[in-house]
Structure formats: C-alpha cells, structure tokens
Protein backbone atom coordinates (compact mmCIF):
# COMPACT_ATOMS: atom_id res chain seq x y z
CA MET A 1 0.00 0.00 0.00
CA THR A 2 1.35 3.43 -0.99
CA ILE A 3 1.79 5.84 1.90
CA LEU A 4 0.75 9.40 1.12
CA PRO A 5 1.70 12.45 3.21
CA PRO A 6 -1.19 14.12 5.06
CA LYS A 7 -3.45 16.37 3.01
CA PRO A 8 -6.46 18.30 4.35
CA PRO A 9 -9.86 17.14 3.10
CA ALA A 10 -11.46 19.42 0.53
CA ARG A 11 -14.93 20.76 1.18
CA GLU A 12 -17.80 19.08 -0.63
CA GLY A 13 -20.22 20.90 -2.91
CA ARG A 14 -21.24 24.54 -2.92
CA VAL A 15 -21.56 26.61 0.24
CA SER A 16 -22.87 30.07 1.02
CA LEU A 17 -20.50 33.03 1.23
CA TRP A 18 -20.81 33.19 5.01
CA ARG A 19 -20.22 29.45 5.38
CA TYR A 20 -17.17 29.78 3.13
CA LEU A 21 -15.79 32.64 5.25
CA ARG A 22 -16.21 30.58 8.42
CA LEU A 23 -14.37 27.67 6.79
CA PHE A 24 -11.71 30.08 5.47
CA ARG A 25 -11.03 31.46 8.94
CA GLN A 26 -10.49 27.91 10.22
CA ASP A 27 -8.24 26.79 7.35
CA ILE A 28 -7.65 28.26 3.89
CA LEU A 29 -6.96 24.85 2.33
CA SER A 30 -9.88 22.72 3.49
CA ALA A 31 -12.26 25.58 2.62
CA GLN A 32 -11.54 24.97 -1.09
CA PRO A 33 -13.39 22.43 -3.30
CA ALA A 34 -11.62 19.30 -4.59
CA ARG A 35 -12.13 20.34 -8.22
CA LEU A 36 -9.37 22.94 -7.89
CA TYR A 37 -6.82 20.12 -8.08
CA ARG A 38 -7.91 19.55 -11.68
CA ALA A 39 -9.30 22.90 -12.85
CA TRP A 40 -7.29 25.30 -15.02
CA MET A 41 -9.35 28.22 -13.71
CA ALA A 42 -12.19 28.78 -11.26
CA GLU A 43 -14.35 31.84 -10.61
CA PHE A 44 -15.64 32.86 -7.20
CA ARG A 45 -18.21 35.66 -6.87
CA THR A 46 -19.16 37.64 -3.79
CA PRO A 47 -21.35 40.73 -3.41
CA PHE A 48 -18.15 42.78 -3.05
CA PHE A 49 -15.64 41.40 -5.55
CA ARG A 50 -14.84 38.61 -7.96
CA SER A 51 -11.85 36.32 -7.68
CA TYR A 52 -10.35 33.93 -10.21
CA MET A 53 -8.02 31.12 -9.24
CA CYS A 54 -5.61 30.42 -12.09
CA ASN A 55 -3.88 27.03 -12.24
CA GLN A 56 -3.11 26.90 -15.94
CA PRO A 57 0.66 27.43 -16.28
CA GLU A 58 0.18 29.85 -19.18
CA LEU A 59 -2.06 32.08 -17.06
CA VAL A 60 0.32 31.95 -14.11
CA ASP A 61 3.16 32.89 -16.46
CA LEU A 62 1.13 35.78 -17.87
CA VAL A 63 0.37 37.24 -14.44
CA LEU A 64 3.77 36.77 -12.80
CA LYS A 65 6.26 36.99 -15.66
CA GLN A 66 4.87 38.45 -18.89
CA ARG A 67 2.81 41.37 -17.54
CA PRO A 68 3.43 41.67 -13.80
CA ASP A 69 2.84 45.45 -13.74
CA ASP A 70 -0.71 44.85 -15.00
CA PHE A 71 -1.36 42.55 -12.03
CA PRO A 72 -0.06 44.30 -8.89
CA LYS A 73 -0.26 42.72 -5.49
CA SER A 74 -3.80 43.07 -4.16
CA ASN A 75 -4.19 45.77 -1.53
CA ARG A 76 -6.63 43.46 0.25
CA ILE A 77 -3.69 41.34 1.33
CA ARG A 78 -2.12 44.16 3.30
CA GLU A 79 -5.25 44.90 5.32
CA GLY A 80 -4.54 42.42 8.11
CA LEU A 81 -0.76 42.80 7.95
CA THR A 82 -0.38 46.58 8.09
CA PRO A 83 0.04 46.88 11.90
CA LEU A 84 3.24 44.81 11.71
CA LEU A 85 4.55 45.27 8.17
CA GLY A 86 3.79 48.95 7.55
CA ASN A 87 4.90 49.83 4.03
CA SER A 88 7.31 46.94 3.52
CA VAL A 89 8.38 45.41 0.22
CA PHE A 90 5.88 42.57 0.76
CA VAL A 91 2.83 44.82 0.38
CA THR A 92 3.93 47.72 -1.83
CA ASN A 93 3.50 48.09 -5.59
CA GLY A 94 4.74 50.22 -8.45
CA GLU A 95 7.68 52.58 -8.13
CA VAL A 96 7.80 52.31 -4.32
CA TRP A 97 8.23 48.54 -4.55
CA LYS A 98 10.81 48.81 -7.36
CA ARG A 99 12.90 51.25 -5.31
CA GLN A 100 12.75 48.95 -2.30
CA ARG A 101 13.89 45.95 -4.35
CA ARG A 102 16.75 47.92 -5.92
CA ILE A 103 18.11 48.54 -2.42
CA ILE A 104 17.37 45.11 -0.90
CA ASP A 105 18.32 42.70 -3.71
CA PRO A 106 22.13 43.29 -3.65
CA ALA A 107 22.26 42.00 -0.06
CA PHE A 108 21.07 38.57 -1.20
CA GLU A 109 23.37 38.04 -4.16
CA GLY A 110 25.51 34.90 -4.28
CA GLY A 111 28.67 36.42 -2.87
CA ARG A 112 26.80 37.86 0.10
CA LEU A 113 25.27 34.45 0.88
CA ARG A 114 28.77 33.04 1.17
CA ASP A 115 29.59 35.80 3.67
CA VAL A 116 26.62 35.08 5.94
CA PHE A 117 26.93 31.29 5.71
CA PRO A 118 29.03 30.97 8.92
CA ALA A 119 26.25 32.71 10.87
CA MET A 120 23.71 30.31 9.37
CA ALA A 121 25.86 27.31 10.32
CA ALA A 122 26.30 28.70 13.85
CA ALA A 123 22.51 28.81 14.24
CA GLY A 124 22.39 25.19 13.09
CA GLU A 125 25.01 24.14 15.65
CA SER A 126 23.04 25.93 18.36
CA ALA A 127 19.88 24.04 17.32
CA VAL A 128 21.72 20.70 17.42
CA ALA A 129 22.87 21.49 20.96
CA ARG A 130 19.35 22.50 22.09
CA LEU A 131 17.78 19.30 20.74
CA ALA A 132 20.06 17.19 22.93
CA VAL A 133 17.72 17.94 25.84
CA LEU A 134 14.70 16.70 23.85
CA ALA A 135 16.31 13.62 22.29
CA ASP A 136 14.91 11.13 24.80
CA GLY A 137 12.52 9.23 22.54
CA ARG A 138 9.41 11.00 23.82
CA ALA A 139 7.09 12.88 21.45
CA GLN A 140 8.17 16.50 20.97
CA GLU A 141 6.42 19.35 19.16
CA ILE A 142 8.98 20.08 16.46
CA GLU A 143 7.49 23.31 15.04
CA ALA A 144 8.52 25.15 18.20
CA GLU A 145 12.10 24.06 17.61
CA THR A 146 12.15 24.89 13.90
CA SER A 147 10.69 28.32 14.71
CA HIS A 148 13.50 28.84 17.21
CA VAL A 149 16.31 27.97 14.79
CA ALA A 150 14.72 29.91 11.89
CA ALA A 151 14.49 33.02 14.08
CA ASP A 152 18.09 32.47 15.19
CA VAL A 153 19.21 32.39 11.54
CA ILE A 154 17.45 35.68 10.86
CA PHE A 155 19.00 37.49 13.82
CA ARG A 156 22.50 36.13 13.25
CA THR A 157 22.58 36.90 9.53
CA LEU A 158 20.71 40.20 9.71
CA PHE A 159 22.06 41.79 12.90
CA SER A 160 24.96 39.52 13.96
CA ILE A 161 23.24 38.61 17.24
CA PRO A 162 22.06 35.19 18.44
CA ILE A 163 18.48 34.66 19.51
CA GLU A 164 19.71 34.59 23.11
CA ASN A 165 20.28 38.34 22.78
CA GLU A 166 17.74 40.13 24.98
CA ILE A 167 16.06 42.12 22.21
CA ALA A 168 16.09 39.17 19.78
CA ALA A 169 14.49 36.91 22.39
CA ARG A 170 11.77 39.50 23.07
CA VAL A 171 11.00 39.90 19.34
CA PHE A 172 10.69 36.12 19.02
CA ALA A 173 8.37 35.88 22.04
CA GLU A 174 6.20 38.80 20.93
CA PHE A 175 5.95 37.42 17.43
CA ARG A 176 4.47 34.19 18.76
CA GLU A 177 1.84 36.24 20.59
CA HIS A 178 1.19 38.27 17.42
CA GLN A 179 0.58 35.06 15.46
CA ARG A 180 -2.09 34.02 17.94
CA ALA A 181 -3.79 37.42 17.73
CA GLN A 182 -3.57 37.89 13.95
CA PRO A 183 -6.85 36.96 12.16
CA VAL A 184 -6.77 35.31 8.74
CA VAL A 185 -9.44 37.64 7.37
CA ASN A 186 -9.62 41.34 8.22
CA LEU A 187 -12.79 43.34 7.46
CA GLY A 188 -10.89 45.47 4.96
CA ALA A 189 -9.87 42.35 3.02
CA LEU A 190 -13.52 41.49 2.36
CA LEU A 191 -15.21 44.84 1.84
CA PRO A 192 -14.21 47.59 -0.62
CA LEU A 193 -13.67 50.16 2.14
CA PRO A 194 -12.40 53.69 1.43
CA ARG A 195 -8.97 54.43 2.88
CA TRP A 196 -10.41 56.80 5.48
CA VAL A 197 -12.53 54.06 7.11
CA PRO A 198 -10.87 52.62 10.25
CA ARG A 199 -9.67 49.01 9.82
CA PHE A 200 -10.59 47.81 13.35
CA HIS A 201 -7.60 45.61 13.99
CA ALA A 202 -7.87 43.64 17.21
CA ARG A 203 -6.39 45.38 20.22
CA LYS A 204 -3.92 42.56 20.85
CA THR A 205 -2.87 42.50 17.18
CA LYS A 206 -2.04 46.19 17.32
CA ALA A 207 -0.36 45.90 20.71
CA THR A 208 1.96 43.02 19.79
CA ALA A 209 2.79 44.64 16.45
CA ALA A 210 3.69 47.89 18.22
CA VAL A 211 6.00 46.09 20.64
CA ILE A 212 7.74 44.17 17.82
CA ARG A 213 8.21 47.31 15.74
CA GLY A 214 9.53 49.17 18.78
CA LEU A 215 12.14 46.48 19.40
CA ILE A 216 13.13 46.41 15.72
CA THR A 217 13.45 50.20 15.83
CA GLN A 218 15.95 49.83 18.68
CA LEU A 219 18.03 47.37 16.67
CA THR A 220 17.86 49.53 13.55
CA ALA A 221 18.71 52.79 15.31
CA THR A 222 21.65 51.13 17.06
CA ARG A 223 22.91 49.79 13.76
CA MET A 224 22.53 53.21 12.13
CA ALA A 225 24.71 54.69 14.87
CA GLU A 226 27.30 51.91 14.39
CA ILE A 227 27.39 52.58 10.65
CA GLU A 228 27.99 56.28 11.27
CA ALA A 229 30.76 55.42 13.77
CA GLY A 230 32.37 52.93 11.39
CA THR A 231 31.95 50.03 13.83
CA ALA A 232 29.07 48.13 12.18
CA PRO A 233 29.54 44.42 11.42
CA ASP A 234 29.40 43.39 7.76
CA ASP A 235 26.04 41.62 7.83
CA LEU A 236 22.78 41.86 5.90
CA ALA A 237 21.43 44.82 7.86
CA THR A 238 24.57 46.86 7.26
CA LYS A 239 24.57 45.97 3.57
CA ILE A 240 20.92 46.97 3.11
CA MET A 241 21.19 50.16 5.17
CA THR A 242 24.28 51.37 3.30
CA THR A 243 23.12 50.51 -0.23
CA PRO A 244 21.91 53.62 -2.08
CA ASP A 245 19.16 53.39 -4.64
CA PRO A 246 21.00 53.59 -7.99
CA VAL A 247 18.21 55.82 -9.31
CA ASP A 248 17.89 58.51 -6.61
CA GLY A 249 21.04 57.83 -4.58
CA LYS A 250 19.15 57.66 -1.27
CA THR A 251 19.37 54.92 1.35
CA PHE A 252 16.57 53.66 3.61
CA ALA A 253 15.64 55.93 6.47
CA THR A 254 15.27 54.26 9.87
CA ASP A 255 11.46 53.95 9.63
CA GLU A 256 11.73 52.44 6.14
CA MET A 257 14.27 49.91 7.41
CA VAL A 258 11.95 48.93 10.27
CA ASP A 259 9.28 48.01 7.72
CA GLN A 260 11.75 45.84 5.80
CA VAL A 261 13.13 44.10 8.89
CA ALA A 262 9.56 43.25 9.93
CA ILE A 263 8.93 41.42 6.66
CA PHE A 264 12.36 39.75 6.73
CA PHE A 265 11.43 38.35 10.11
CA LEU A 266 7.90 37.34 9.09
CA ALA A 267 8.87 35.86 5.72
CA GLY A 268 12.29 34.51 6.61
CA HIS A 269 11.32 33.06 9.97
CA GLU A 270 7.75 31.88 9.55
CA THR A 271 8.19 30.26 6.14
CA SER A 272 11.53 28.60 6.94
CA ALA A 273 10.14 27.20 10.19
CA SER A 274 7.17 25.72 8.33
CA ALA A 275 9.27 24.11 5.59
CA LEU A 276 11.85 22.65 7.98
CA ALA A 277 9.20 21.15 10.27
CA TRP A 278 7.41 19.48 7.36
CA ALA A 279 10.71 18.20 5.95
CA LEU A 280 11.49 16.50 9.26
CA TYR A 281 7.99 15.03 9.38
CA LEU A 282 8.27 13.68 5.84
CA LEU A 283 11.62 12.08 6.61
CA ALA A 284 10.09 10.44 9.68
CA LEU A 285 7.26 9.18 7.48
CA PHE A 286 9.72 7.87 4.89
CA PRO A 287 12.72 6.55 6.90
CA ASP A 288 14.57 5.25 3.82
CA TRP A 289 14.93 8.83 2.59
CA GLN A 290 15.90 9.93 6.10
CA GLU A 291 18.80 7.50 6.12
CA GLN A 292 19.96 8.75 2.72
CA VAL A 293 19.99 12.34 3.98
CA ALA A 294 21.82 11.37 7.16
CA ALA A 295 24.43 9.43 5.20
CA GLU A 296 24.91 12.30 2.76
CA ALA A 297 25.35 14.77 5.64
CA GLN A 298 27.94 12.58 7.35
CA ALA A 299 29.83 12.04 4.09
CA THR A 300 29.78 15.77 3.31
CA PHE A 301 30.48 17.31 6.73
CA GLY A 302 32.22 14.47 8.52
CA ASP A 303 32.40 15.48 12.16
CA GLY A 304 33.45 19.03 11.29
CA THR A 305 31.77 22.39 10.85
CA PRO A 306 29.83 22.83 7.57
CA GLU A 307 31.39 25.15 4.99
CA PHE A 308 29.78 27.02 2.12
CA GLY A 309 31.37 24.69 -0.45
CA HIS A 310 29.57 21.74 1.14
CA VAL A 311 26.12 22.96 0.09
CA SER A 312 26.51 21.97 -3.56
CA LYS A 313 27.24 18.38 -2.45
CA LEU A 314 23.93 18.01 -0.57
CA ARG A 315 22.02 16.85 -3.65
CA ILE A 316 19.68 14.37 -1.96
CA THR A 317 19.01 16.79 0.90
CA ARG A 318 18.27 19.59 -1.56
CA ASP A 319 15.77 17.42 -3.46
CA VAL A 320 14.08 16.39 -0.19
CA PHE A 321 13.72 20.05 0.76
CA ARG A 322 12.52 20.90 -2.75
CA GLU A 323 9.88 18.16 -2.55
CA THR A 324 8.81 19.43 0.87
CA LEU A 325 8.24 22.89 -0.61
CA ARG A 326 6.16 21.30 -3.36
CA LEU A 327 3.89 19.37 -1.00
CA TYR A 328 3.76 22.01 1.73
CA PRO A 329 4.52 25.43 0.20
CA PRO A 330 4.77 27.74 3.24
CA VAL A 331 2.72 30.47 1.49
CA PRO A 332 -0.14 28.47 -0.06
CA MET A 333 -1.82 31.26 -2.01
CA MET A 334 -0.91 34.64 -3.53
CA VAL A 335 -3.34 37.33 -4.62
CA ARG A 336 -2.90 39.83 -7.43
CA GLU A 337 -5.40 42.34 -8.84
CA ALA A 338 -6.36 42.94 -12.45
CA SER A 339 -5.60 46.62 -13.14
CA LYS A 340 -7.76 46.59 -16.30
CA PRO A 341 -10.31 44.30 -17.97
CA GLU A 342 -8.87 40.97 -19.15
CA VAL A 343 -10.04 37.84 -20.91
CA PHE A 344 -8.87 34.56 -19.37
CA ARG A 345 -9.78 31.31 -21.17
CA GLY A 346 -12.60 33.08 -23.00
CA ARG A 347 -14.05 34.52 -19.81
CA ASP A 348 -14.29 38.25 -19.06
CA VAL A 349 -12.27 39.30 -16.01
CA PRO A 350 -13.24 42.82 -14.86
CA ALA A 351 -10.80 45.43 -13.62
CA GLY A 352 -10.35 45.12 -9.88
CA ALA A 353 -10.90 41.35 -9.88
CA GLN A 354 -8.72 39.35 -7.51
CA ILE A 355 -6.40 36.89 -9.25
CA VAL A 356 -5.53 34.01 -6.94
CA LEU A 357 -2.40 32.00 -7.68
CA SER A 358 -2.17 28.91 -5.51
CA PRO A 359 1.16 27.11 -5.14
CA TRP A 360 -0.73 24.58 -3.02
CA HIS A 361 -3.02 23.55 -5.89
CA LEU A 362 -0.50 24.09 -8.69
CA HIS A 363 2.05 21.86 -6.95
CA ARG A 364 -0.53 19.08 -6.58
CA HIS A 365 -2.33 19.56 -9.87
CA GLU A 366 -3.53 16.22 -11.22
CA ARG A 367 -3.15 17.25 -14.89
CA LEU A 368 0.46 18.34 -14.46
CA TRP A 369 2.37 16.20 -11.96
CA ASP A 370 2.89 12.45 -11.90
CA ALA A 371 1.60 11.10 -8.56
CA PRO A 372 0.98 14.66 -7.31
CA ASP A 373 0.21 13.72 -3.69
CA ALA A 374 3.18 11.35 -3.28
CA PHE A 375 6.48 12.20 -1.61
CA ASP A 376 9.16 11.47 -4.20
CA PRO A 377 12.36 13.55 -4.09
CA GLY A 378 13.61 11.52 -7.04
CA ARG A 379 10.97 13.00 -9.31
CA TYR A 380 13.20 15.95 -10.22
CA ALA A 381 15.43 13.66 -12.26
CA THR A 382 12.45 12.62 -14.43
CA GLU A 383 11.17 14.40 -17.54
CA ASN A 384 7.85 15.17 -15.83
CA GLY A 385 9.61 16.55 -12.77
CA LYS A 386 11.93 18.74 -14.84
CA ALA A 387 9.04 20.08 -16.93
CA CYS A 388 6.89 20.84 -13.88
CA MET A 389 9.81 22.56 -12.14
CA ARG A 390 9.85 25.02 -15.03
CA SER A 391 6.10 25.59 -15.35
CA ALA A 392 4.27 24.48 -12.20
CA TYR A 393 6.57 25.07 -9.22
CA MET A 394 6.64 28.39 -7.39
CA PRO A 395 7.15 28.12 -3.61
CA PHE A 396 8.85 31.54 -3.74
CA SER A 397 6.52 33.07 -6.35
CA ALA A 398 8.06 33.86 -9.77
CA GLY A 399 8.92 36.70 -12.11
CA GLN A 400 9.97 40.12 -10.89
CA ARG A 401 8.32 39.57 -7.49
CA VAL A 402 10.08 36.29 -6.78
CA CYS A 403 11.15 36.22 -3.13
CA THR A 404 14.44 38.05 -2.81
CA GLY A 405 15.52 35.50 -0.21
CA ALA A 406 14.78 32.40 -2.31
CA GLY A 407 18.44 31.46 -2.69
CA PHE A 408 19.03 32.15 1.01
CA ALA A 409 16.09 29.90 1.95
CA MET A 410 17.25 26.98 -0.21
CA ILE A 411 20.74 27.07 1.33
CA GLU A 412 19.32 27.44 4.84
CA GLY A 413 16.81 24.61 4.41
CA ALA A 414 19.29 22.06 3.04
CA LEU A 415 21.98 23.05 5.56
CA LEU A 416 19.77 22.84 8.67
CA LEU A 417 18.15 19.62 7.52
CA ALA A 418 21.53 17.99 6.95
CA MET A 419 22.93 19.21 10.28
CA LEU A 420 19.94 17.93 12.25
CA LEU A 421 19.88 14.55 10.47
CA ARG A 422 23.62 14.09 10.98
CA SER A 423 23.03 14.18 14.75
CA TYR A 424 19.51 12.84 15.31
CA ARG A 425 16.95 10.34 14.12
CA PHE A 426 13.36 11.56 13.83
CA ASP A 427 10.45 9.12 14.16
CA LEU A 428 6.70 9.52 13.98
CA ALA A 429 4.55 9.81 17.08
CA PRO A 430 1.61 7.67 15.85
CA GLU A 431 -0.67 8.91 18.62
CA ARG A 432 -0.26 12.50 17.34
CA PRO A 433 -0.57 12.48 13.53
CA ALA A 434 0.05 15.73 11.67
CA MET A 435 -2.48 17.51 9.47
CA PRO A 436 -1.64 20.68 7.52
CA VAL A 437 -3.67 23.81 8.09
CA ALA A 438 -3.05 27.18 6.47
CA HIS A 439 -3.48 30.63 7.92
CA LEU A 440 -0.58 32.91 7.03
CA THR A 441 1.57 29.83 6.35
CA VAL A 442 1.09 26.05 6.21
CA ARG A 443 1.59 24.62 9.69
CA GLY A 444 0.42 21.58 11.64
CA LYS A 445 -3.17 21.83 12.83
CA ASP A 446 -2.22 20.53 16.28
CA GLY A 447 1.52 20.93 15.82
CA ILE A 448 3.98 18.47 14.31
CA TRP A 449 5.05 15.85 16.83
CA LEU A 450 8.12 13.62 16.43
CA ARG A 451 10.32 11.42 18.58
CA ILE A 452 13.99 12.41 18.58
CA THR A 453 16.90 10.12 19.40
CA PRO A 454 20.67 10.66 19.02
CA ARG A 455 22.44 8.91 16.14
CA LYS A 456 25.67 8.71 18.09
CA THR A 457 25.98 7.86 21.76
C-alpha cells in the first residue's frame, strides 16, 4: 500500500458566502473544493468582488512573468498585515516597490550568501545542541524548535546577534503572541472600504505589532549609529542600510528599514520554520529517505563544521527540501489584482478582480504532476519533474516579485536539515498524527510531533 503524506480534506459541494468565510477562517486549504486540483481556472463571486483562481501554467506565467505590472499585489492582502509590516516590500506596488527591491536585492546576491553562511551554520550548531535535551525518545512538538532555529538564523545573519540576545528573544516571544492574535481575514480584506474608514484591527494584534516594531526600531537605530561610527559588522542589515538606490542615490531611512526588517522576520522566519518542520515530518514518514539524507550529511560534513562549499554536495538533501516545498509550500496562495479588464480562457475578467495564484493547488495539480500527492524527491530527475519545475513550481513566487531571499532559503533549508539529520533520528509519534492547516503559512493543525533520538551515543 502506498503511503501518502497528510493532506487536508477538501470541502464538498457549494456553500454560502458566510459558510465559506467561516471555513476560510479555520483553514484556507480545506475551505476549497476538490475540483481545484484539476481545474485550469475557477471563478468565485461575492457581493463585493470577484476572484479567479488560475492554475493553468500559461495564465500563471502571464500574471507573474509576462505582464506583472498589470497585475499588482492586491491591496486586500495588506489589510490584516499593516500593523506589523507597515509599508514593507511585501505589500507595496509600483515605483515604491521597485525602489525597495533595488536597495534590498544586492544583499542577497551569491557572494553575500557566502559571507553570511558561517552565521547560518552557527545557528544550526546551536539548534543541534538544544535538541540534545529533547532527544529522549518522547514525542516532541517540532514546530517550536524549527521556529527557534529559523528566528536564530534571521537574527545572526541580519544583525549579527544570536536569539539569546535580549532584544532578539523578546522579538521572538512577541511574534508568537502576534501570530495568535492575527486573524486570517480582516474586514478590509472582504469589503471595498475607502482608505479613510478605520480598519478595526484587534487590540492585541495592534499591541503586539507595536512592541515588535519598537524592538526592531531599537536594533535599527543602534545599527545606524554603528554605521555612522564605522563600527558596524558586515552583515545583511549593514549591507541593506548602506546601499543607495542607484536611481535617486538615497538609502533607507530608519522607519523604512523597520518596515523591511519586519517582513524579513515574518517571511524569513515563519516560512523557513514551516518548511523545515514538514521536511522533518516527511523524513520520519519515509525513513529510507531519512537515512539517505543522514548518510549524505555525514559524508559531506564528517564530524566538522559545515562550509559554504559543502552545500553543492547536498544533492539528496536539496531534493528532499525541494519536494517538501512542493507538497507544503509555506505560502499556499498569492493574490494579485487585475488593473484593467482581461479575458482569461474566453471569460471576461473585470478590472479590480482578484487573481488568486495557488502554489498549493498548482504543486498538486492532477493534470500536471505524476503522482501529485506522493512524496518522491527523485521525481526531479524525471522528464515530468523537470518540466513541472519550469512551469508548475513556485514556492517563492516567480517573475519580478520572486522572493528576494529564495536562494538564502534553499541554502538554509538544506543546511539545517543535513545538520539535524547528521546528529539525530526523527520518528513519527503515531498517537499524534500531523495535518496541515493554512493561515498565514502552512503549519500543523495541532503541531507536528516527532520522537527524537541521538544517532551517536
């Protein structure tokens, strides 16, 4: 019998708008009908707006690559995120977004990733040491640990401080509270409200966001002073804060940098934590692949400290992480907006319509992938896998708005996975099976529980 990784059940039949919204608030994925795993396009109408989910690769290519300026990021997406993210690169459009990317992108070029790799590896070594306390064979909630190491990577590479730093630890703690307070659907995301209408964010959402932004402001202001004094470390924050826009020659002001750091933490921490936790779960579910990753890590690193040149040798580990991102893309859906009337597959799409692009459905599309729900890291050596990688794989989006940290994330994911598997074995906790649920990212509905034991005694 073929074992398939957990997948949330799709809803059956049609439901009312209000029933759909209730389901959506509980889980974005199980609120969707099963037909989306086969459909090239689907239309959803509400009294307030129309949305079109596009799964056909040609339509996805049109929206993200051929004419991205005609399909800006929907402003509805920013409604619930504004208290934390402000005017960050994640939510802006047009010339503001292009300026932000011109300043940010150089920090994530290949040479810079080599420079920050030691900090990334140090976070991995710290995680290996922390897990020693939990490696007693009892079931442990692994998402808490992957969140910890992902946050540690962000702080070490961005500000050259470990998560044990007082401010870093407080940001991490407050962010967990913010996640609990942050609703999936904000009123402004559903109704076409004028800008002057208050958005009624929950009191706790605003409070936790204010604390996080205040702490990030401290870090940013301190770094600005270090830059002016010539004592700043050569990390990602320094690179971004000292890079002038090649068009206007200006650098980020402190408040602009706070917005960007907030999204680096949200995107770089939340998504990496999700992907790493699901990778560990999949390797526990498929122990033959786990042993291959562990053997590759030992052969590559030996008993020493990982080096940047090792990453290219982690081929099996990279494909395992790649397959994890296919089955459990951390950001399951993206929303763009049609800036003018369009015609998709012979159907009129009015200006202002929401265009939904779903990595979750595209990555599992039954008309594109062989065995779409199966875990098979070897698929990327097949013709089908290679073709789908080009046309139906976008865990980091695609086109001009592809995640600026995509290369960073792929190195981080393979490195941490290899380091953890070199030291520990991860087994399922049958009494606590995992089930994906999506709010901001794809996480375990009741956590992801695994048993951890040392490989060497």
